[in-house]
Amino acid sequence: MRKLAIPEEVLADVFGHFDDNLRTIEKELGVRLSARGGEVTIQGDPEREALAASLLAQMAGLAQGGYSIKKGDAEIALRLLRDNRSATLKEFFGSLKTLVKFLSQGFSEQQI
């Protein structure tokens, strides 16, 4: 069992609408998550607990940095961390945010 503190100001972003992100993590990793305030308890296989803790902590860091976590981001983040445990969500989603910004300004991917 692991416990993780999530800052109160980003709880809604990290947990998702009606706790959708928490349910996704539980389903995909086969762990049990319970939250009381900003404290999340993770129960399950130790390796999967570690992955869930890393995912939640990094999502909290993204939200604290101003990234607006959207529907589907938890699934994308989970796949990324499953494939590469040393990956950082800040790098991935930061790069994605920059790409979207450039594309929305009329730049093509070839110009970037």
Protein backbone atom coordinates (compact mmCIF):
# COMPACT_ATOMS: atom_id res chain seq x y z
CA MET A 1 0.00 0.00 0.00
CA ARG A 2 1.20 3.49 -0.90
CA LYS A 3 -0.06 6.89 0.10
CA LEU A 4 0.35 9.98 -2.04
CA ALA A 5 -0.50 13.60 -1.28
CA ILE A 6 -2.07 15.61 -4.10
CA PRO A 7 -2.24 19.40 -3.62
CA GLU A 8 -5.81 20.55 -2.97
CA GLU A 9 -5.73 23.15 -5.76
CA VAL A 10 -5.28 20.48 -8.46
CA LEU A 11 -7.45 17.67 -7.10
CA ALA A 12 -10.29 18.21 -9.57
CA ASP A 13 -7.87 18.22 -12.54
CA VAL A 14 -5.99 15.13 -11.41
CA PHE A 15 -9.04 13.11 -10.34
CA GLY A 16 -11.05 14.09 -13.42
CA HIS A 17 -14.73 14.79 -13.89
CA PHE A 18 -16.61 12.59 -11.38
CA ASP A 19 -13.26 10.87 -10.62
CA ASP A 20 -13.00 9.51 -14.19
CA ASN A 21 -9.20 9.55 -14.12
CA LEU A 22 -9.08 7.58 -10.88
CA ARG A 23 -11.47 4.96 -12.26
CA THR A 24 -9.42 4.69 -15.47
CA ILE A 25 -6.22 4.11 -13.47
CA GLU A 26 -7.95 1.51 -11.28
CA LYS A 27 -9.33 -0.35 -14.28
CA GLU A 28 -6.17 -0.25 -16.41
CA LEU A 29 -3.70 -1.08 -13.64
CA GLY A 30 -5.84 -3.34 -11.47
CA VAL A 31 -5.19 -1.24 -8.37
CA ARG A 32 -7.59 0.17 -5.83
CA LEU A 33 -7.51 3.93 -5.27
CA SER A 34 -9.22 5.70 -2.41
CA ALA A 35 -9.05 9.41 -1.78
CA ARG A 36 -9.69 11.37 1.38
CA GLY A 37 -9.11 15.03 0.72
CA GLY A 38 -5.74 15.31 -0.96
CA GLU A 39 -4.44 11.94 0.25
CA VAL A 40 -4.72 9.04 -2.17
CA THR A 41 -4.19 5.48 -1.00
CA ILE A 42 -3.06 3.01 -3.66
CA GLN A 43 -3.44 -0.73 -3.09
CA GLY A 44 -2.40 -3.55 -5.36
CA ASP A 45 0.65 -5.21 -6.83
CA PRO A 46 3.71 -3.17 -5.72
CA GLU A 47 4.90 -2.53 -9.30
CA ARG A 48 1.45 -1.34 -10.35
CA GLU A 49 1.17 0.78 -7.19
CA ALA A 50 4.44 2.46 -8.14
CA LEU A 51 3.20 3.16 -11.67
CA ALA A 52 -0.09 4.59 -10.38
CA ALA A 53 1.77 6.78 -7.87
CA SER A 54 4.12 8.08 -10.57
CA LEU A 55 1.22 8.78 -12.89
CA LEU A 56 -0.80 10.67 -10.26
CA ALA A 57 2.23 12.64 -9.03
CA GLN A 58 3.20 13.65 -12.56
CA MET A 59 -0.38 14.59 -13.43
CA ALA A 60 -0.46 16.79 -10.32
CA GLY A 61 2.79 18.42 -11.46
CA LEU A 62 1.30 19.10 -14.89
CA ALA A 63 -1.78 20.71 -13.34
CA GLN A 64 0.34 22.79 -10.96
CA GLY A 65 2.34 23.97 -13.97
CA GLY A 66 -0.81 25.28 -15.64
CA TYR A 67 -1.61 22.39 -17.97
CA SER A 68 -5.34 21.75 -18.21
CA ILE A 69 -5.80 17.99 -17.98
CA LYS A 70 -8.40 16.90 -20.51
CA LYS A 71 -10.57 13.84 -20.95
CA GLY A 72 -8.36 11.09 -22.32
CA ASP A 73 -5.08 12.50 -20.98
CA ALA A 74 -4.95 9.89 -18.20
CA GLU A 75 -5.14 7.07 -20.75
CA ILE A 76 -2.44 8.65 -22.91
CA ALA A 77 -0.22 9.26 -19.89
CA LEU A 78 -0.72 5.71 -18.66
CA ARG A 79 0.28 4.22 -22.03
CA LEU A 80 3.33 6.47 -22.15
CA LEU A 81 4.52 5.46 -18.66
CA ARG A 82 3.80 1.78 -19.28
CA ASP A 83 6.01 1.87 -22.38
CA ASN A 84 8.72 3.98 -20.78
CA ARG A 85 8.87 4.13 -16.98
CA SER A 86 11.43 6.94 -17.09
CA ALA A 87 9.25 9.15 -19.32
CA THR A 88 8.13 12.50 -17.99
CA LEU A 89 4.62 13.68 -18.65
CA LYS A 90 5.76 17.29 -18.45
CA GLU A 91 8.03 16.79 -21.46
CA PHE A 92 5.42 14.90 -23.47
CA PHE A 93 2.42 17.11 -22.76
CA GLY A 94 4.55 20.27 -22.89
CA SER A 95 5.76 19.32 -26.37
CA LEU A 96 2.22 18.46 -27.39
CA LYS A 97 0.94 21.81 -26.11
CA THR A 98 3.64 23.66 -28.08
CA LEU A 99 2.82 21.72 -31.25
CA VAL A 100 -0.91 22.47 -30.93
CA LYS A 101 -0.11 26.15 -30.34
CA PHE A 102 1.99 26.37 -33.51
CA LEU A 103 -0.52 24.44 -35.61
CA SER A 104 -3.37 26.65 -34.40
CA GLN A 105 -1.37 29.68 -35.56
CA GLY A 106 -1.25 28.36 -39.11
CA PHE A 107 2.17 26.69 -39.09
CA SER A 108 2.47 23.29 -40.70
CA GLU A 109 4.31 20.43 -39.03
CA GLN A 110 7.03 20.75 -41.69
CA GLN A 111 7.68 24.38 -40.65
CA ILE A 112 8.15 23.51 -37.00
